[in-house]
């Protein structure tokens, strides 16, 4: 498994709009990305957003980039900063409860 963690910032006054957009887009987009196992979006009151995507493989993660970039463009009018992606191999993936 492979993980991509993307951090970006929106203007705090646009945070409610960003939350709504994430909740609207995520279910549909997630189903269209091959190899995506899990998607978690974390939001903080200062406008910082951290998205965690878990993929079956590194190649699935790279193949998803064009679709993910299309989604990110929708945050541009919210003062979104340039996303900072990081990638990791998943060593342990265990859900407790």
PDB file of N, CA and C in Angstrom:
ATOM      1  N   UNK A   1       0.839  -1.177   0.000  1.00  0.00           N
ATOM      2  CA  UNK A   1       0.000   0.000   0.000  1.00  0.00           C
ATOM      3  C   UNK A   1       0.885   1.242   0.000  1.00  0.00           C
ATOM      4  N   UNK A   2       0.290   2.322  -0.449  1.00  0.00           N
ATOM      5  CA  UNK A   2       1.033   3.559  -0.636  1.00  0.00           C
ATOM      6  C   UNK A   2       0.155   4.722  -0.201  1.00  0.00           C
ATOM      7  N   UNK A   3       0.732   5.708   0.459  1.00  0.00           N
ATOM      8  CA  UNK A   3      -0.045   6.848   0.951  1.00  0.00           C
ATOM      9  C   UNK A   3       0.468   8.152   0.359  1.00  0.00           C
ATOM     10  N   UNK A   4      -0.464   9.035   0.073  1.00  0.00           N
ATOM     11  CA  UNK A   4      -0.118  10.398  -0.319  1.00  0.00           C
ATOM     12  C   UNK A   4      -0.816  11.327   0.678  1.00  0.00           C
ATOM     13  N   UNK A   5      -0.026  12.208   1.264  1.00  0.00           N
ATOM     14  CA  UNK A   5      -0.555  13.199   2.202  1.00  0.00           C
ATOM     15  C   UNK A   5      -0.328  14.566   1.576  1.00  0.00           C
ATOM     16  N   UNK A   6      -1.429  15.293   1.401  1.00  0.00           N
ATOM     17  CA  UNK A   6      -1.359  16.610   0.763  1.00  0.00           C
ATOM     18  C   UNK A   6      -1.871  17.654   1.747  1.00  0.00           C
ATOM     19  N   UNK A   7      -1.058  18.676   1.966  1.00  0.00           N
ATOM     20  CA  UNK A   7      -1.400  19.764   2.865  1.00  0.00           C
ATOM     21  C   UNK A   7      -1.555  21.042   2.064  1.00  0.00           C
ATOM     22  N   UNK A   8      -2.612  21.793   2.360  1.00  0.00           N
ATOM     23  CA  UNK A   8      -2.773  23.119   1.769  1.00  0.00           C
ATOM     24  C   UNK A   8      -3.574  23.995   2.704  1.00  0.00           C
ATOM     25  N   UNK A   9      -3.618  25.267   2.400  1.00  0.00           N
ATOM     26  CA  UNK A   9      -4.243  26.256   3.262  1.00  0.00           C
ATOM     27  C   UNK A   9      -5.290  27.027   2.465  1.00  0.00           C
ATOM     28  N   UNK A  10      -6.461  27.229   3.062  1.00  0.00           N
ATOM     29  CA  UNK A  10      -7.461  28.130   2.481  1.00  0.00           C
ATOM     30  C   UNK A  10      -7.632  29.303   3.443  1.00  0.00           C
ATOM     31  N   UNK A  11      -8.184  30.388   2.949  1.00  0.00           N
ATOM     32  CA  UNK A  11      -8.439  31.528   3.814  1.00  0.00           C
ATOM     33  C   UNK A  11      -9.457  31.108   4.877  1.00  0.00           C
ATOM     34  N   UNK A  12      -9.200  31.425   6.147  1.00  0.00           N
ATOM     35  CA  UNK A  12     -10.090  30.991   7.221  1.00  0.00           C
ATOM     36  C   UNK A  12     -11.557  31.363   6.991  1.00  0.00           C
ATOM     37  N   UNK A  13     -11.804  32.521   6.399  1.00  0.00           N
ATOM     38  CA  UNK A  13     -13.194  32.923   6.159  1.00  0.00           C
ATOM     39  C   UNK A  13     -13.856  32.104   5.050  1.00  0.00           C
ATOM     40  N   UNK A  14     -13.075  31.341   4.309  1.00  0.00           N
ATOM     41  CA  UNK A  14     -13.603  30.466   3.256  1.00  0.00           C
ATOM     42  C   UNK A  14     -13.677  29.005   3.700  1.00  0.00           C
ATOM     43  N   UNK A  15     -13.376  28.757   4.960  1.00  0.00           N
ATOM     44  CA  UNK A  15     -13.294  27.388   5.454  1.00  0.00           C
ATOM     45  C   UNK A  15     -14.620  26.639   5.356  1.00  0.00           C
ATOM     46  N   UNK A  16     -15.717  27.305   5.660  1.00  0.00           N
ATOM     47  CA  UNK A  16     -17.029  26.641   5.560  1.00  0.00           C
ATOM     48  C   UNK A  16     -17.295  26.212   4.125  1.00  0.00           C
ATOM     49  N   UNK A  17     -16.931  27.067   3.163  1.00  0.00           N
ATOM     50  CA  UNK A  17     -17.090  26.709   1.751  1.00  0.00           C
ATOM     51  C   UNK A  17     -16.194  25.533   1.381  1.00  0.00           C
ATOM     52  N   UNK A  18     -14.966  25.530   1.895  1.00  0.00           N
ATOM     53  CA  UNK A  18     -14.031  24.442   1.600  1.00  0.00           C
ATOM     54  C   UNK A  18     -14.544  23.119   2.169  1.00  0.00           C
ATOM     55  N   UNK A  19     -15.047  23.158   3.406  1.00  0.00           N
ATOM     56  CA  UNK A  19     -15.616  21.940   4.006  1.00  0.00           C
ATOM     57  C   UNK A  19     -16.770  21.402   3.160  1.00  0.00           C
ATOM     58  N   UNK A  20     -17.659  22.299   2.772  1.00  0.00           N
ATOM     59  CA  UNK A  20     -18.824  21.885   1.978  1.00  0.00           C
ATOM     60  C   UNK A  20     -18.383  21.291   0.642  1.00  0.00           C
ATOM     61  N   UNK A  21     -17.399  21.910   0.005  1.00  0.00           N
ATOM     62  CA  UNK A  21     -16.914  21.405  -1.279  1.00  0.00           C
ATOM     63  C   UNK A  21     -16.265  20.030  -1.116  1.00  0.00           C
ATOM     64  N   UNK A  22     -15.470  19.859  -0.065  1.00  0.00           N
ATOM     65  CA  UNK A  22     -14.863  18.552   0.199  1.00  0.00           C
ATOM     66  C   UNK A  22     -15.932  17.487   0.391  1.00  0.00           C
ATOM     67  N   UNK A  23     -16.941  17.799   1.190  1.00  0.00           N
ATOM     68  CA  UNK A  23     -18.002  16.832   1.457  1.00  0.00           C
ATOM     69  C   UNK A  23     -18.820  16.521   0.213  1.00  0.00           C
ATOM     70  N   UNK A  24     -18.945  17.499  -0.665  1.00  0.00           N
ATOM     71  CA  UNK A  24     -19.692  17.296  -1.906  1.00  0.00           C
ATOM     72  C   UNK A  24     -18.904  16.454  -2.914  1.00  0.00           C
ATOM     73  N   UNK A  25     -17.624  16.749  -3.058  1.00  0.00           N
ATOM     74  CA  UNK A  25     -16.816  16.118  -4.105  1.00  0.00           C
ATOM     75  C   UNK A  25     -16.264  14.743  -3.727  1.00  0.00           C
ATOM     76  N   UNK A  26     -15.882  14.580  -2.489  1.00  0.00           N
ATOM     77  CA  UNK A  26     -15.137  13.377  -2.093  1.00  0.00           C
ATOM     78  C   UNK A  26     -15.834  12.058  -2.420  1.00  0.00           C
ATOM     79  N   UNK A  27     -17.115  11.895  -2.097  1.00  0.00           N
ATOM     80  CA  UNK A  27     -17.725  10.580  -2.381  1.00  0.00           C
ATOM     81  C   UNK A  27     -17.699  10.210  -3.865  1.00  0.00           C
ATOM     82  N   UNK A  28     -17.993  11.149  -4.722  1.00  0.00           N
ATOM     83  CA  UNK A  28     -18.037  10.864  -6.155  1.00  0.00           C
ATOM     84  C   UNK A  28     -16.640  10.663  -6.731  1.00  0.00           C
ATOM     85  N   UNK A  29     -15.718  11.552  -6.388  1.00  0.00           N
ATOM     86  CA  UNK A  29     -14.355  11.455  -6.919  1.00  0.00           C
ATOM     87  C   UNK A  29     -13.675  10.195  -6.413  1.00  0.00           C
ATOM     88  N   UNK A  30     -13.871   9.874  -5.153  1.00  0.00           N
ATOM     89  CA  UNK A  30     -13.222   8.689  -4.578  1.00  0.00           C
ATOM     90  C   UNK A  30     -13.590   7.410  -5.318  1.00  0.00           C
ATOM     91  N   UNK A  31     -14.829   7.322  -5.746  1.00  0.00           N
ATOM     92  CA  UNK A  31     -15.275   6.125  -6.472  1.00  0.00           C
ATOM     93  C   UNK A  31     -14.661   6.030  -7.858  1.00  0.00           C
ATOM     94  N   UNK A  32     -14.212   7.155  -8.417  1.00  0.00           N
ATOM     95  CA  UNK A  32     -13.681   7.176  -9.774  1.00  0.00           C
ATOM     96  C   UNK A  32     -12.169   6.993  -9.834  1.00  0.00           C
ATOM     97  N   UNK A  33     -11.512   6.943  -8.689  1.00  0.00           N
ATOM     98  CA  UNK A  33     -10.057   6.810  -8.678  1.00  0.00           C
ATOM     99  C   UNK A  33      -9.695   5.354  -8.426  1.00  0.00           C
ATOM    100  N   UNK A  34      -9.157   4.740  -9.443  1.00  0.00           N
ATOM    101  CA  UNK A  34      -8.801   3.325  -9.363  1.00  0.00           C
ATOM    102  C   UNK A  34      -7.667   3.120  -8.368  1.00  0.00           C
ATOM    103  N   UNK A  35      -7.828   2.111  -7.533  1.00  0.00           N
ATOM    104  CA  UNK A  35      -6.788   1.765  -6.577  1.00  0.00           C
ATOM    105  C   UNK A  35      -6.838   2.563  -5.281  1.00  0.00           C
ATOM    106  N   UNK A  36      -7.772   3.498  -5.156  1.00  0.00           N
ATOM    107  CA  UNK A  36      -7.903   4.271  -3.923  1.00  0.00           C
ATOM    108  C   UNK A  36      -8.638   3.432  -2.891  1.00  0.00           C
ATOM    109  N   UNK A  37      -8.002   3.195  -1.761  1.00  0.00           N
ATOM    110  CA  UNK A  37      -8.592   2.377  -0.699  1.00  0.00           C
ATOM    111  C   UNK A  37      -9.309   3.224   0.339  1.00  0.00           C
ATOM    112  N   UNK A  38      -8.680   4.326   0.712  1.00  0.00           N
ATOM    113  CA  UNK A  38      -9.245   5.195   1.747  1.00  0.00           C
ATOM    114  C   UNK A  38      -8.886   6.642   1.449  1.00  0.00           C
ATOM    115  N   UNK A  39      -9.786   7.535   1.879  1.00  0.00           N
ATOM    116  CA  UNK A  39      -9.530   8.966   1.774  1.00  0.00           C
ATOM    117  C   UNK A  39     -10.006   9.621   3.061  1.00  0.00           C
ATOM    118  N   UNK A  40      -9.130  10.394   3.687  1.00  0.00           N
ATOM    119  CA  UNK A  40      -9.449  11.105   4.914  1.00  0.00           C
ATOM    120  C   UNK A  40      -9.063  12.565   4.710  1.00  0.00           C
ATOM    121  N   UNK A  41      -9.965  13.460   5.068  1.00  0.00           N
ATOM    122  CA  UNK A  41      -9.683  14.891   4.971  1.00  0.00           C
ATOM    123  C   UNK A  41      -9.774  15.500   6.359  1.00  0.00           C
ATOM    124  N   UNK A  42      -8.712  16.162   6.771  1.00  0.00           N
ATOM    125  CA  UNK A  42      -8.638  16.805   8.081  1.00  0.00           C
ATOM    126  C   UNK A  42      -8.650  18.312   7.882  1.00  0.00           C
ATOM    127  N   UNK A  43      -9.446  19.012   8.674  1.00  0.00           N
ATOM    128  CA  UNK A  43      -9.590  20.461   8.532  1.00  0.00           C
ATOM    129  C   UNK A  43      -9.380  21.105   9.895  1.00  0.00           C
ATOM    130  N   UNK A  44      -8.643  22.200   9.898  1.00  0.00           N
ATOM    131  CA  UNK A  44      -8.398  22.943  11.131  1.00  0.00           C
ATOM    132  C   UNK A  44      -8.996  24.344  11.001  1.00  0.00           C
ATOM    133  N   UNK A  45      -9.369  24.946  12.115  1.00  0.00           N
ATOM    134  CA  UNK A  45     -10.051  26.241  12.100  1.00  0.00           C
ATOM    135  C   UNK A  45      -9.245  27.362  11.441  1.00  0.00           C
ATOM    136  N   UNK A  46      -7.929  27.242  11.383  1.00  0.00           N
ATOM    137  CA  UNK A  46      -7.122  28.291  10.756  1.00  0.00           C
ATOM    138  C   UNK A  46      -7.061  28.147   9.228  1.00  0.00           C
ATOM    139  N   UNK A  47      -7.785  27.152   8.676  1.00  0.00           N
ATOM    140  CA  UNK A  47      -7.841  26.959   7.230  1.00  0.00           C
ATOM    141  C   UNK A  47      -6.895  25.908   6.693  1.00  0.00           C
ATOM    142  N   UNK A  48      -6.120  25.287   7.554  1.00  0.00           N
ATOM    143  CA  UNK A  48      -5.210  24.234   7.092  1.00  0.00           C
ATOM    144  C   UNK A  48      -6.009  22.969   6.826  1.00  0.00           C
ATOM    145  N   UNK A  49      -5.742  22.354   5.665  1.00  0.00           N
ATOM    146  CA  UNK A  49      -6.414  21.114   5.267  1.00  0.00           C
ATOM    147  C   UNK A  49      -5.344  20.078   4.956  1.00  0.00           C
ATOM    148  N   UNK A  50      -5.541  18.878   5.487  1.00  0.00           N
ATOM    149  CA  UNK A  50      -4.637  17.764   5.227  1.00  0.00           C
ATOM    150  C   UNK A  50      -5.479  16.622   4.668  1.00  0.00           C
ATOM    151  N   UNK A  51      -5.143  16.194   3.463  1.00  0.00           N
ATOM    152  CA  UNK A  51      -5.840  15.072   2.834  1.00  0.00           C
ATOM    153  C   UNK A  51      -4.910  13.865   2.825  1.00  0.00           C
ATOM    154  N   UNK A  52      -5.423  12.740   3.271  1.00  0.00           N
ATOM    155  CA  UNK A  52      -4.656  11.495   3.317  1.00  0.00           C
ATOM    156  C   UNK A  52      -5.345  10.492   2.401  1.00  0.00           C
ATOM    157  N   UNK A  53      -4.624  10.035   1.412  1.00  0.00           N
ATOM    158  CA  UNK A  53      -5.143   9.052   0.461  1.00  0.00           C
ATOM    159  C   UNK A  53      -4.302   7.791   0.560  1.00  0.00           C
ATOM    160  N   UNK A  54      -4.960   6.657   0.690  1.00  0.00           N
ATOM    161  CA  UNK A  54      -4.280   5.366   0.750  1.00  0.00           C
ATOM    162  C   UNK A  54      -4.620   4.604  -0.531  1.00  0.00           C
ATOM    163  N   UNK A  55      -3.591   4.171  -1.230  1.00  0.00           N
ATOM    164  CA  UNK A  55      -3.747   3.476  -2.505  1.00  0.00           C
ATOM    165  C   UNK A  55      -3.242   2.040  -2.402  1.00  0.00           C
ATOM    166  N   UNK A  56      -3.721   1.207  -3.300  1.00  0.00           N
ATOM    167  CA  UNK A  56      -3.238  -0.168  -3.378  1.00  0.00           C
ATOM    168  C   UNK A  56      -1.750  -0.218  -3.704  1.00  0.00           C
ATOM    169  N   UNK A  57      -1.304   0.711  -4.571  1.00  0.00           N
ATOM    170  CA  UNK A  57       0.086   0.674  -5.015  1.00  0.00           C
ATOM    171  C   UNK A  57       0.584   2.077  -5.367  1.00  0.00           C
ATOM    172  N   UNK A  58       1.877   2.180  -5.496  1.00  0.00           N
ATOM    173  CA  UNK A  58       2.496   3.445  -5.891  1.00  0.00           C
ATOM    174  C   UNK A  58       2.026   3.853  -7.289  1.00  0.00           C
ATOM    175  N   UNK A  59       1.903   2.897  -8.189  1.00  0.00           N
ATOM    176  CA  UNK A  59       1.465   3.223  -9.554  1.00  0.00           C
ATOM    177  C   UNK A  59       0.031   3.749  -9.555  1.00  0.00           C
ATOM    178  N   UNK A  60      -0.835   3.219  -8.690  1.00  0.00           N
ATOM    179  CA  UNK A  60      -2.202   3.737  -8.571  1.00  0.00           C
ATOM    180  C   UNK A  60      -2.177   5.188  -8.078  1.00  0.00           C
ATOM    181  N   UNK A  61      -1.301   5.466  -7.122  1.00  0.00           N
ATOM    182  CA  UNK A  61      -1.192   6.825  -6.581  1.00  0.00           C
ATOM    183  C   UNK A  61      -0.773   7.805  -7.669  1.00  0.00           C
ATOM    184  N   UNK A  62       0.197   7.431  -8.485  1.00  0.00           N
ATOM    185  CA  UNK A  62       0.652   8.319  -9.560  1.00  0.00           C
ATOM    186  C   UNK A  62      -0.393   8.450 -10.666  1.00  0.00           C
ATOM    187  N   UNK A  63      -1.099   7.385 -10.951  1.00  0.00           N
ATOM    188  CA  UNK A  63      -2.131   7.440 -11.992  1.00  0.00           C
ATOM    189  C   UNK A  63      -3.293   8.343 -11.582  1.00  0.00           C
ATOM    190  N   UNK A  64      -3.497   8.540 -10.294  1.00  0.00           N
ATOM    191  CA  UNK A  64      -4.605   9.360  -9.796  1.00  0.00           C
ATOM    192  C   UNK A  64      -4.328  10.859  -9.862  1.00  0.00           C
ATOM    193  N   UNK A  65      -3.100  11.255 -10.058  1.00  0.00           N
ATOM    194  CA  UNK A  65      -2.734  12.672  -9.990  1.00  0.00           C
ATOM    195  C   UNK A  65      -3.573  13.565 -10.911  1.00  0.00           C
ATOM    196  N   UNK A  66      -3.802  13.230 -12.176  1.00  0.00           N
ATOM    197  CA  UNK A  66      -4.602  14.127 -13.022  1.00  0.00           C
ATOM    198  C   UNK A  66      -6.018  14.378 -12.486  1.00  0.00           C
ATOM    199  N   UNK A  67      -6.666  13.345 -11.972  1.00  0.00           N
ATOM    200  CA  UNK A  67      -8.018  13.519 -11.417  1.00  0.00           C
ATOM    201  C   UNK A  67      -7.980  14.372 -10.149  1.00  0.00           C
ATOM    202  N   UNK A  68      -6.969  14.149  -9.343  1.00  0.00           N
ATOM    203  CA  UNK A  68      -6.836  14.914  -8.102  1.00  0.00           C
ATOM    204  C   UNK A  68      -6.568  16.387  -8.420  1.00  0.00           C
ATOM    205  N   UNK A  69      -5.759  16.656  -9.425  1.00  0.00           N
ATOM    206  CA  UNK A  69      -5.465  18.042  -9.806  1.00  0.00           C
ATOM    207  C   UNK A  69      -6.727  18.774 -10.258  1.00  0.00           C
ATOM    208  N   UNK A  70      -7.620  18.079 -10.929  1.00  0.00           N
ATOM    209  CA  UNK A  70      -8.886  18.692 -11.341  1.00  0.00           C
ATOM    210  C   UNK A  70      -9.708  19.118 -10.131  1.00  0.00           C
ATOM    211  N   UNK A  71      -9.694  18.305  -9.099  1.00  0.00           N
ATOM    212  CA  UNK A  71     -10.428  18.636  -7.875  1.00  0.00           C
ATOM    213  C   UNK A  71      -9.782  19.832  -7.184  1.00  0.00           C
ATOM    214  N   UNK A  72      -8.472  19.839  -7.099  1.00  0.00           N
ATOM    215  CA  UNK A  72      -7.762  20.934  -6.419  1.00  0.00           C
ATOM    216  C   UNK A  72      -8.038  22.286  -7.058  1.00  0.00           C
ATOM    217  N   UNK A  73      -8.206  22.305  -8.363  1.00  0.00           N
ATOM    218  CA  UNK A  73      -8.473  23.566  -9.059  1.00  0.00           C
ATOM    219  C   UNK A  73      -9.732  24.252  -8.530  1.00  0.00           C
ATOM    220  N   UNK A  74     -10.655  23.482  -8.017  1.00  0.00           N
ATOM    221  CA  UNK A  74     -11.912  24.044  -7.520  1.00  0.00           C
ATOM    222  C   UNK A  74     -11.731  24.810  -6.211  1.00  0.00           C
ATOM    223  N   UNK A  75     -10.574  24.687  -5.598  1.00  0.00           N
ATOM    224  CA  UNK A  75     -10.290  25.406  -4.363  1.00  0.00           C
ATOM    225  C   UNK A  75      -9.530  26.708  -4.610  1.00  0.00           C
ATOM    226  N   UNK A  76      -9.197  26.998  -5.842  1.00  0.00           N
ATOM    227  CA  UNK A  76      -8.388  28.177  -6.165  1.00  0.00           C
ATOM    228  C   UNK A  76      -9.035  29.479  -5.711  1.00  0.00           C
ATOM    229  N   UNK A  77     -10.349  29.596  -5.849  1.00  0.00           N
ATOM    230  CA  UNK A  77     -11.013  30.845  -5.466  1.00  0.00           C
ATOM    231  C   UNK A  77     -11.203  30.976  -3.959  1.00  0.00           C
ATOM    232  N   UNK A  78     -10.694  30.026  -3.202  1.00  0.00           N
ATOM    233  CA  UNK A  78     -10.774  30.081  -1.741  1.00  0.00           C
ATOM    234  C   UNK A  78      -9.442  30.524  -1.147  1.00  0.00           C
ATOM    235  N   UNK A  79      -8.577  31.053  -1.994  1.00  0.00           N
ATOM    236  CA  UNK A  79      -7.272  31.491  -1.527  1.00  0.00           C
ATOM    237  C   UNK A  79      -6.372  30.333  -1.166  1.00  0.00           C
ATOM    238  N   UNK A  80      -6.627  29.193  -1.781  1.00  0.00           N
ATOM    239  CA  UNK A  80      -5.858  27.994  -1.449  1.00  0.00           C
ATOM    240  C   UNK A  80      -4.390  28.157  -1.817  1.00  0.00           C
ATOM    241  N   UNK A  81      -3.535  27.767  -0.890  1.00  0.00           N
ATOM    242  CA  UNK A  81      -2.102  27.788  -1.167  1.00  0.00           C
ATOM    243  C   UNK A  81      -1.754  26.613  -2.080  1.00  0.00           C
ATOM    244  N   UNK A  82      -0.565  26.676  -2.610  1.00  0.00           N
ATOM    245  CA  UNK A  82      -0.089  25.566  -3.443  1.00  0.00           C
ATOM    246  C   UNK A  82      -0.002  24.310  -2.572  1.00  0.00           C
ATOM    247  N   UNK A  83      -0.579  23.193  -3.011  1.00  0.00           N
ATOM    248  CA  UNK A  83      -0.560  21.968  -2.203  1.00  0.00           C
ATOM    249  C   UNK A  83       0.859  21.423  -2.036  1.00  0.00           C
ATOM    250  N   UNK A  84       1.114  20.873  -0.875  1.00  0.00           N
ATOM    251  CA  UNK A  84       2.394  20.237  -0.590  1.00  0.00           C
ATOM    252  C   UNK A  84       2.151  18.741  -0.434  1.00  0.00           C
ATOM    253  N   UNK A  85       2.498  17.960  -1.467  1.00  0.00           N
ATOM    254  CA  UNK A  85       2.299  16.511  -1.361  1.00  0.00           C
ATOM    255  C   UNK A  85       3.528  15.810  -0.776  1.00  0.00           C
ATOM    256  N   UNK A  86       3.258  14.764  -0.012  1.00  0.00           N
ATOM    257  CA  UNK A  86       4.297  13.881   0.489  1.00  0.00           C
ATOM    258  C   UNK A  86       3.815  12.458   0.250  1.00  0.00           C
ATOM    259  N   UNK A  87       4.740  11.550   0.010  1.00  0.00           N
ATOM    260  CA  UNK A  87       4.367  10.173  -0.292  1.00  0.00           C
ATOM    261  C   UNK A  87       5.117   9.219   0.620  1.00  0.00           C
ATOM    262  N   UNK A  88       4.414   8.156   0.992  1.00  0.00           N
ATOM    263  CA  UNK A  88       4.959   7.196   1.949  1.00  0.00           C
ATOM    264  C   UNK A  88       4.540   5.781   1.582  1.00  0.00           C
ATOM    265  N   UNK A  89       5.372   4.828   1.919  1.00  0.00           N
ATOM    266  CA  UNK A  89       4.967   3.429   1.888  1.00  0.00           C
ATOM    267  C   UNK A  89       4.188   3.165   3.175  1.00  0.00           C
ATOM    268  N   UNK A  90       3.083   2.464   3.067  1.00  0.00           N
ATOM    269  CA  UNK A  90       2.295   2.106   4.248  1.00  0.00           C
ATOM    270  C   UNK A  90       2.875   0.809   4.804  1.00  0.00           C
ATOM    271  N   UNK A  91       3.379   0.879   6.012  1.00  0.00           N
ATOM    272  CA  UNK A  91       3.986  -0.281   6.645  1.00  0.00           C
ATOM    273  C   UNK A  91       2.961  -1.018   7.501  1.00  0.00           C
ATOM    274  N   UNK A  92       2.146  -0.262   8.213  1.00  0.00           N
ATOM    275  CA  UNK A  92       1.074  -0.851   9.033  1.00  0.00           C
ATOM    276  C   UNK A  92      -0.210  -0.119   8.728  1.00  0.00           C
ATOM    277  N   UNK A  93      -1.259  -0.876   8.484  1.00  0.00           N
ATOM    278  CA  UNK A  93      -2.589  -0.308   8.240  1.00  0.00           C
ATOM    279  C   UNK A  93      -3.579  -1.142   9.038  1.00  0.00           C
ATOM    280  N   UNK A  94      -3.914  -0.642  10.195  1.00  0.00           N
ATOM    281  CA  UNK A  94      -4.778  -1.393  11.091  1.00  0.00           C
ATOM    282  C   UNK A  94      -5.869  -0.472  11.616  1.00  0.00           C
ATOM    283  N   UNK A  95      -7.086  -0.907  11.482  1.00  0.00           N
ATOM    284  CA  UNK A  95      -8.209  -0.124  11.989  1.00  0.00           C
ATOM    285  C   UNK A  95      -8.625  -0.712  13.334  1.00  0.00           C
ATOM    286  N   UNK A  96      -8.639   0.130  14.325  1.00  0.00           N
ATOM    287  CA  UNK A  96      -9.005  -0.296  15.672  1.00  0.00           C
ATOM    288  C   UNK A  96     -10.383   0.285  15.975  1.00  0.00           C
ATOM    289  N   UNK A  97     -11.365  -0.562  16.079  1.00  0.00           N
ATOM    290  CA  UNK A  97     -12.779  -0.211  16.278  1.00  0.00           C
ATOM    291  C   UNK A  97     -13.302   0.468  15.087  1.00  0.00           C
TER     292      UNK A  97
END
